[in-house]
Amino acid sequence: MRAFRISTARQLSLAGVAAAVCGWTLFATGAMAVDALSGSAGEREAGRTITRYERQIADREARLQSAVAQLDEVGGSAVGLARSVESRHAALASLLTDMSDVPGAQAALTPARVEVAEAISPEDRIRLIRMDQDRILARADTFARSRAERVRLAFRMAGLDASAFASNTGSGGPLVQGDDPRALAAVLDVDEAFAQRIQRASLGLAEMRRLDGAAEQAPFTQPVAQPRRTSGFGGRFDPFNGASAFHAGIDFGGAHRTPINATAPGTVAYVGQRSGYGNVVEIDHGRGLKTRYAHLAAASVRPGQRVALGQRVGAMGSTGRSTGTHLHYEIWVDGRVQNPDRFLRAGEQVRAG
């Protein structure tokens, strides 16, 4: 065996070398750990950034696809939008033409003035027009149905049944034919939803027209152009003896030979004199309804003659039991005299806008 003796100085040197090696090992290990941790945080941040951009890209793609789909609905271009507006406008024109002469229709169906910015695109302008077309169609539907109800009310005011006067002949038209909205959409070259609304409004319009036609068959108009009432229906004091008496009609004053007009179409049932009435014209309007025009200076029609609404039937006079020039006007329903006021108020209801 050999023995080695390490001096104190050498021992200190070896201890220093060992400490240096251990220190370097610890430093290298720590650096690697820090680098590893730093790399993981960076990768996570990079992943989050990539995810955020992917979501933004997906959102933009979704908006783009939605815009493309909206354009595809009308042909994918401004030309397609314009063609859609033209087709809808033609369908609306077909629907509204027959409403032009109806009281109140023009005011109710006039398109609203659309104020738009100068910088708005042509496509957006066309879309605004389409929105206004939708509003016009909704108003047309509402107007037709409310007017039909107004005419029904007029018949109830007169104590008449509207269905007895309304005729189903000649109603309808190309817009209300068929039950398949798809077929109607193809005919009108519009989308199916718009075709369904056109069809619904057309049916309301057809009903309104039918009732308007019924109103023209009933005596809802004035017998003179400028009516000046001088005596009403019902009880009054007799102008000759001052006694209480029943007045079976309404008296209208006017100048001698003022034209007297038929208040509804019908057939002349009687022309001649009746006791107390003087010269008389009586018109049968059918459905048990008759009108009588008395105290005439002269008649303009003959028995059996067909007369139209508003046609002249005589001239105002003072024949018979009369104190001066005037028209005595009566309405009879099923052999019973009626108050003409009910019919005249019904006529005002029909003519209301």
Protein backbone atom coordinates (compact mmCIF):
# COMPACT_ATOMS: atom_id res chain seq x y z
CA MET A 1 0.00 0.00 0.00
CA ARG A 2 1.04 3.50 -0.81
CA ALA A 3 -0.07 6.54 0.99
CA PHE A 4 -0.68 9.96 -0.47
CA ARG A 5 -0.63 13.06 1.44
CA ILE A 6 -2.68 15.95 0.20
CA SER A 7 -1.69 19.23 1.52
CA THR A 8 -4.13 21.80 2.75
CA ALA A 9 -3.52 24.02 -0.26
CA ARG A 10 -4.18 21.15 -2.69
CA GLN A 11 -7.40 20.23 -0.84
CA LEU A 12 -8.64 23.79 -1.21
CA SER A 13 -7.82 23.70 -4.92
CA LEU A 14 -9.77 20.46 -5.49
CA ALA A 15 -12.72 21.77 -3.49
CA GLY A 16 -12.76 24.91 -5.66
CA VAL A 17 -12.76 22.83 -8.88
CA ALA A 18 -15.65 20.67 -7.59
CA ALA A 19 -17.64 23.73 -6.62
CA ALA A 20 -17.05 25.25 -10.06
CA VAL A 21 -18.24 22.07 -11.79
CA CYS A 22 -21.34 21.90 -9.62
CA GLY A 23 -22.09 25.60 -10.19
CA TRP A 24 -21.79 25.22 -13.97
CA THR A 25 -24.04 22.20 -13.91
CA LEU A 26 -26.68 24.05 -11.91
CA PHE A 27 -26.44 27.11 -14.22
CA ALA A 28 -26.79 25.04 -17.39
CA THR A 29 -29.78 23.13 -15.99
CA GLY A 30 -31.51 26.36 -14.94
CA ALA A 31 -30.93 27.99 -18.31
CA MET A 32 -32.44 25.01 -20.08
CA ALA A 33 -35.49 25.08 -17.78
CA VAL A 34 -36.02 28.82 -18.30
CA ASP A 35 -35.69 28.42 -22.04
CA ALA A 36 -38.20 25.58 -22.01
CA LEU A 37 -40.71 27.60 -19.99
CA SER A 38 -40.25 30.66 -22.21
CA GLY A 39 -40.83 28.59 -25.32
CA SER A 40 -44.11 27.12 -23.96
CA ALA A 41 -45.53 30.61 -23.14
CA GLY A 42 -44.63 31.90 -26.61
CA GLU A 43 -46.23 28.93 -28.28
CA ARG A 44 -49.39 29.44 -26.24
CA GLU A 45 -49.54 33.13 -27.17
CA ALA A 46 -48.96 32.27 -30.83
CA GLY A 47 -51.76 29.70 -30.65
CA ARG A 48 -54.16 32.24 -29.18
CA THR A 49 -53.31 34.73 -31.90
CA ILE A 50 -53.90 32.15 -34.63
CA THR A 51 -57.27 31.19 -33.09
CA ARG A 52 -58.36 34.85 -32.92
CA TYR A 53 -57.55 35.43 -36.58
CA GLU A 54 -59.31 32.23 -37.58
CA ARG A 55 -62.50 33.40 -35.81
CA GLN A 56 -62.31 36.80 -37.54
CA ILE A 57 -61.85 35.16 -40.93
CA ALA A 58 -64.79 32.78 -40.30
CA ASP A 59 -67.00 35.70 -39.26
CA ARG A 60 -66.15 37.66 -42.41
CA GLU A 61 -66.79 34.61 -44.56
CA ALA A 62 -70.23 34.17 -42.93
CA ARG A 63 -71.15 37.81 -43.61
CA LEU A 64 -69.97 37.48 -47.19
CA GLN A 65 -72.01 34.31 -47.70
CA SER A 66 -75.11 36.06 -46.27
CA ALA A 67 -74.67 38.99 -48.65
CA VAL A 68 -74.20 36.62 -51.57
CA ALA A 69 -77.35 34.71 -50.57
CA GLN A 70 -79.35 37.95 -50.47
CA LEU A 71 -78.18 38.84 -53.94
CA ASP A 72 -78.89 35.32 -55.17
CA GLU A 73 -82.55 35.74 -54.14
CA VAL A 74 -83.02 38.40 -56.81
CA GLY A 75 -80.60 37.22 -59.45
CA GLY A 76 -77.27 38.04 -57.85
CA SER A 77 -76.96 41.57 -59.28
CA ALA A 78 -78.57 45.00 -59.53
CA VAL A 79 -80.19 43.82 -62.76
CA GLY A 80 -81.89 41.01 -60.86
CA LEU A 81 -83.07 43.43 -58.18
CA ALA A 82 -84.48 45.79 -60.80
CA ARG A 83 -86.29 42.92 -62.56
CA SER A 84 -87.83 41.88 -59.23
CA VAL A 85 -89.08 45.43 -58.59
CA GLU A 86 -90.55 45.67 -62.09
CA SER A 87 -92.43 42.39 -61.70
CA ARG A 88 -93.80 43.36 -58.31
CA HIS A 89 -94.80 46.77 -59.65
CA ALA A 90 -96.68 45.18 -62.56
CA ALA A 91 -98.53 42.89 -60.14
CA LEU A 92 -99.44 45.84 -57.92
CA ALA A 93 -100.61 47.84 -60.94
CA SER A 94 -102.92 44.99 -62.00
CA LEU A 95 -104.36 44.89 -58.48
CA LEU A 96 -104.79 48.63 -57.93
CA THR A 97 -106.11 49.71 -61.34
CA ASP A 98 -109.68 48.77 -60.41
CA MET A 99 -109.44 50.76 -57.18
CA SER A 100 -108.67 54.10 -58.84
CA ASP A 101 -112.29 55.28 -58.83
CA VAL A 102 -113.18 54.06 -55.33
CA PRO A 103 -113.70 56.93 -52.85
CA GLY A 104 -110.67 57.35 -50.63
CA ALA A 105 -108.49 54.89 -52.58
CA GLN A 106 -106.09 57.45 -54.01
CA ALA A 107 -105.28 58.98 -50.64
CA ALA A 108 -104.95 55.59 -48.96
CA LEU A 109 -102.71 54.00 -51.58
CA THR A 110 -100.40 56.86 -52.62
CA PRO A 111 -96.78 55.69 -52.21
CA ALA A 112 -94.91 57.31 -49.34
CA ARG A 113 -92.07 59.65 -50.30
CA VAL A 114 -88.85 57.90 -49.38
CA GLU A 115 -86.04 60.24 -48.31
CA VAL A 116 -82.64 58.66 -48.86
CA ALA A 117 -79.08 59.90 -48.63
CA GLU A 118 -77.33 60.82 -51.86
CA ALA A 119 -74.56 58.32 -51.16
CA ILE A 120 -76.88 55.32 -50.94
CA SER A 121 -76.15 52.54 -53.42
CA PRO A 122 -78.53 51.68 -56.31
CA GLU A 123 -79.15 48.26 -54.76
CA ASP A 124 -80.23 49.84 -51.48
CA ARG A 125 -82.51 52.28 -53.33
CA ILE A 126 -84.18 49.36 -55.06
CA ARG A 127 -84.63 47.58 -51.73
CA LEU A 128 -86.29 50.71 -50.31
CA ILE A 129 -88.71 50.71 -53.26
CA ARG A 130 -89.52 47.06 -52.59
CA MET A 131 -90.26 47.91 -48.96
CA ASP A 132 -92.64 50.65 -50.10
CA GLN A 133 -94.32 48.18 -52.45
CA ASP A 134 -94.90 45.91 -49.46
CA ARG A 135 -96.49 48.82 -47.57
CA ILE A 136 -98.75 49.69 -50.52
CA LEU A 137 -99.92 46.09 -50.80
CA ALA A 138 -100.69 45.95 -47.08
CA ARG A 139 -102.66 49.21 -47.31
CA ALA A 140 -104.57 47.94 -50.37
CA ASP A 141 -105.60 44.81 -48.50
CA THR A 142 -106.68 46.81 -45.45
CA PHE A 143 -108.49 49.42 -47.54
CA ALA A 144 -110.47 46.85 -49.55
CA ARG A 145 -111.61 44.99 -46.45
CA SER A 146 -112.51 48.12 -44.48
CA ARG A 147 -114.49 49.53 -47.42
CA ALA A 148 -116.36 46.24 -47.84
CA GLU A 149 -117.32 46.41 -44.17
CA ARG A 150 -118.41 50.04 -44.60
CA VAL A 151 -120.79 49.06 -47.41
CA ARG A 152 -122.18 46.18 -45.33
CA LEU A 153 -122.85 48.71 -42.57
CA ALA A 154 -124.68 50.95 -45.06
CA PHE A 155 -127.03 48.10 -45.95
CA ARG A 156 -127.67 47.42 -42.28
CA MET A 157 -128.46 51.11 -41.76
CA ALA A 158 -131.04 50.88 -44.55
CA GLY A 159 -132.49 47.68 -43.12
CA LEU A 160 -131.50 45.69 -46.23
CA ASP A 161 -129.64 42.44 -46.78
CA ALA A 162 -126.48 43.13 -48.78
CA SER A 163 -126.31 39.55 -50.05
CA ALA A 164 -129.73 39.97 -51.71
CA PHE A 165 -128.36 42.82 -53.83
CA ALA A 166 -124.84 41.53 -54.44
CA SER A 167 -124.21 39.49 -57.55
CA ASN A 168 -121.52 36.87 -57.94
CA THR A 169 -121.42 37.28 -61.71
CA GLY A 170 -118.47 39.07 -63.22
CA SER A 171 -116.40 39.13 -60.04
CA GLY A 172 -112.81 38.02 -59.68
CA GLY A 173 -110.18 38.21 -62.40
CA PRO A 174 -106.83 36.77 -63.40
CA LEU A 175 -105.25 37.65 -60.06
CA VAL A 176 -107.62 35.49 -58.03
CA GLN A 177 -107.79 32.45 -60.29
CA GLY A 178 -106.41 29.21 -58.94
CA ASP A 179 -105.54 28.08 -55.45
CA ASP A 180 -101.83 27.39 -56.02
CA PRO A 181 -99.66 30.39 -55.02
CA ARG A 182 -96.76 28.88 -56.93
CA ALA A 183 -98.72 28.98 -60.16
CA LEU A 184 -99.77 32.56 -59.49
CA ALA A 185 -96.16 33.47 -58.68
CA ALA A 186 -95.10 32.03 -62.02
CA VAL A 187 -97.78 33.97 -63.89
CA LEU A 188 -96.91 37.26 -62.17
CA ASP A 189 -93.14 36.56 -62.17
CA VAL A 190 -92.87 37.36 -58.45
CA ASP A 191 -91.81 35.41 -55.37
CA GLU A 192 -94.37 33.05 -53.83
CA ALA A 193 -94.83 35.06 -50.62
CA PHE A 194 -95.63 38.22 -52.59
CA ALA A 195 -98.00 36.23 -54.82
CA GLN A 196 -99.89 34.97 -51.75
CA ARG A 197 -100.33 38.54 -50.51
CA ILE A 198 -101.47 39.68 -53.96
CA GLN A 199 -104.02 36.86 -54.05
CA ARG A 200 -105.35 37.70 -50.58
CA ALA A 201 -105.68 41.39 -51.44
CA SER A 202 -107.34 40.48 -54.76
CA LEU A 203 -109.98 38.44 -52.98
CA GLY A 204 -110.67 41.38 -50.65
CA LEU A 205 -110.88 43.68 -53.65
CA ALA A 206 -113.29 41.34 -55.42
CA GLU A 207 -115.55 41.31 -52.34
CA MET A 208 -115.36 45.10 -52.11
CA ARG A 209 -116.31 45.44 -55.79
CA ARG A 210 -119.19 43.02 -55.34
CA LEU A 211 -120.59 45.06 -52.47
CA ASP A 212 -120.03 48.34 -54.29
CA GLY A 213 -122.04 46.92 -57.15
CA ALA A 214 -124.76 45.92 -54.71
CA ALA A 215 -124.85 49.47 -53.33
CA GLU A 216 -125.46 50.79 -56.83
CA GLN A 217 -128.62 48.66 -57.02
CA ALA A 218 -130.13 50.21 -53.87
CA PRO A 219 -131.63 53.74 -53.65
CA PHE A 220 -128.73 55.29 -51.77
CA THR A 221 -128.43 58.50 -53.84
CA GLN A 222 -130.25 61.85 -53.74
CA PRO A 223 -133.15 62.35 -56.21
CA VAL A 224 -132.08 65.96 -56.95
CA ALA A 225 -128.62 67.37 -57.64
CA GLN A 226 -128.71 70.03 -54.92
CA PRO A 227 -131.11 68.74 -52.28
CA ARG A 228 -132.87 71.29 -50.06
CA ARG A 229 -135.09 69.47 -47.61
CA THR A 230 -138.34 71.20 -46.68
CA SER A 231 -140.16 68.43 -44.77
CA GLY A 232 -139.12 65.16 -43.16
CA PHE A 233 -140.60 61.69 -42.72
CA GLY A 234 -143.13 60.95 -39.97
CA GLY A 235 -145.51 63.01 -37.93
CA ARG A 236 -146.04 66.70 -38.75
CA PHE A 237 -148.74 69.38 -38.95
CA ASP A 238 -150.67 69.22 -42.21
CA PRO A 239 -149.85 72.36 -44.28
CA PHE A 240 -153.49 72.76 -45.33
CA ASN A 241 -155.49 72.30 -42.13
CA GLY A 242 -152.82 72.40 -39.41
CA ALA A 243 -153.92 69.04 -37.99
CA SER A 244 -151.47 66.32 -36.96
CA ALA A 245 -150.74 64.00 -39.88
CA PHE A 246 -148.30 61.34 -41.02
CA HIS A 247 -145.91 62.30 -43.82
CA ALA A 248 -144.85 59.20 -45.76
CA GLY A 249 -141.79 60.66 -47.44
CA ILE A 250 -139.31 63.52 -47.65
CA ASP A 251 -139.96 66.82 -49.46
CA PHE A 252 -137.21 68.59 -51.42
CA GLY A 253 -137.68 72.19 -52.51
CA GLY A 254 -136.33 73.68 -55.71
CA ALA A 255 -136.99 75.69 -58.80
CA HIS A 256 -139.83 74.81 -61.15
CA ARG A 257 -138.86 71.95 -63.50
CA THR A 258 -135.70 71.02 -61.55
CA PRO A 259 -134.57 67.63 -62.91
CA ILE A 260 -135.62 64.60 -60.84
CA ASN A 261 -133.31 61.57 -61.09
CA ALA A 262 -133.72 57.85 -60.41
CA THR A 263 -132.03 56.94 -57.14
CA ALA A 264 -131.30 53.38 -58.32
CA PRO A 265 -131.61 51.38 -61.55
CA GLY A 266 -134.92 49.66 -62.20
CA THR A 267 -138.04 49.44 -64.33
CA VAL A 268 -140.70 52.16 -64.50
CA ALA A 269 -143.78 50.59 -62.90
CA TYR A 270 -146.22 53.52 -63.09
CA VAL A 271 -146.52 56.96 -64.71
CA GLY A 272 -149.65 59.04 -64.11
CA GLN A 273 -151.67 60.70 -61.40
CA ARG A 274 -152.51 59.50 -57.92
CA SER A 275 -154.89 61.13 -55.46
CA GLY A 276 -153.07 63.79 -53.49
CA TYR A 277 -149.76 63.06 -55.23
CA GLY A 278 -150.45 64.74 -58.57
CA ASN A 279 -148.18 63.53 -61.35
CA VAL A 280 -146.24 60.49 -60.19
CA VAL A 281 -143.43 58.24 -61.44
CA GLU A 282 -142.90 54.92 -59.62
CA ILE A 283 -139.85 52.71 -60.22
CA ASP A 284 -139.55 49.02 -59.31
CA HIS A 285 -135.96 48.20 -58.32
CA GLY A 286 -136.59 44.52 -57.69
CA ARG A 287 -136.23 42.58 -54.43
CA GLY A 288 -139.47 44.20 -53.19
CA LEU A 289 -138.01 47.72 -53.39
CA LYS A 290 -139.83 50.69 -55.02
CA THR A 291 -139.39 54.47 -55.12
CA ARG A 292 -142.06 57.12 -55.77
CA TYR A 293 -141.55 60.66 -57.14
CA ALA A 294 -144.61 62.89 -56.73
CA HIS A 295 -145.96 66.40 -57.51
CA LEU A 296 -144.06 66.39 -60.80
CA ALA A 297 -144.57 69.02 -63.45
CA ALA A 298 -143.94 66.34 -66.09
CA ALA A 299 -142.57 62.79 -66.47
CA SER A 300 -139.62 61.90 -68.69
CA VAL A 301 -140.17 58.14 -68.78
CA ARG A 302 -142.90 55.65 -69.71
CA PRO A 303 -144.15 52.46 -68.04
CA GLY A 304 -141.97 49.40 -68.67
CA GLN A 305 -138.90 51.48 -69.47
CA ARG A 306 -135.58 50.48 -67.94
CA VAL A 307 -133.84 53.36 -66.18
CA ALA A 308 -130.27 53.69 -64.93
CA LEU A 309 -128.97 55.14 -61.71
CA GLY A 310 -129.12 58.93 -61.96
CA GLN A 311 -131.26 58.96 -65.12
CA ARG A 312 -133.79 61.81 -65.35
CA VAL A 313 -137.35 60.61 -64.72
CA GLY A 314 -139.25 63.89 -64.44
CA ALA A 315 -139.28 67.58 -63.54
CA MET A 316 -140.15 69.21 -60.21
CA GLY A 317 -143.58 70.79 -60.03
CA SER A 318 -146.53 71.45 -57.72
CA THR A 319 -149.29 69.13 -58.94
CA GLY A 320 -151.73 67.40 -56.60
CA ARG A 321 -152.09 68.37 -52.97
CA SER A 322 -149.16 70.77 -52.81
CA THR A 323 -148.52 74.25 -51.45
CA GLY A 324 -145.62 75.01 -53.84
CA THR A 325 -142.97 73.58 -56.13
CA HIS A 326 -141.24 70.62 -54.54
CA LEU A 327 -140.56 66.87 -54.86
CA HIS A 328 -142.24 64.36 -52.56
CA TYR A 329 -139.99 61.28 -52.43
CA GLU A 330 -140.97 57.89 -50.96
CA ILE A 331 -139.30 54.47 -50.59
CA TRP A 332 -141.26 51.23 -50.19
CA VAL A 333 -139.91 47.79 -49.19
CA ASP A 334 -142.19 44.75 -49.49
CA GLY A 335 -145.28 46.95 -49.59
CA ARG A 336 -144.33 49.06 -46.55
CA VAL A 337 -143.30 52.69 -46.67
CA GLN A 338 -139.81 53.35 -45.23
CA ASN A 339 -138.00 56.40 -43.95
CA PRO A 340 -135.86 57.63 -46.88
CA ASP A 341 -133.45 59.17 -44.38
CA ARG A 342 -132.06 55.71 -43.57
CA PHE A 343 -131.24 55.14 -47.22
CA LEU A 344 -129.74 58.59 -47.74
CA ARG A 345 -127.51 58.20 -44.68
CA ALA A 346 -126.50 54.78 -45.97
CA GLY A 347 -125.51 56.46 -49.24
CA GLU A 348 -123.32 58.91 -47.35
CA GLN A 349 -121.67 55.94 -45.64
CA VAL A 350 -120.97 54.32 -49.02
CA ARG A 351 -119.52 57.52 -50.50
CA ALA A 352 -117.34 58.24 -47.47
CA GLY A 353 -113.63 58.17 -48.17
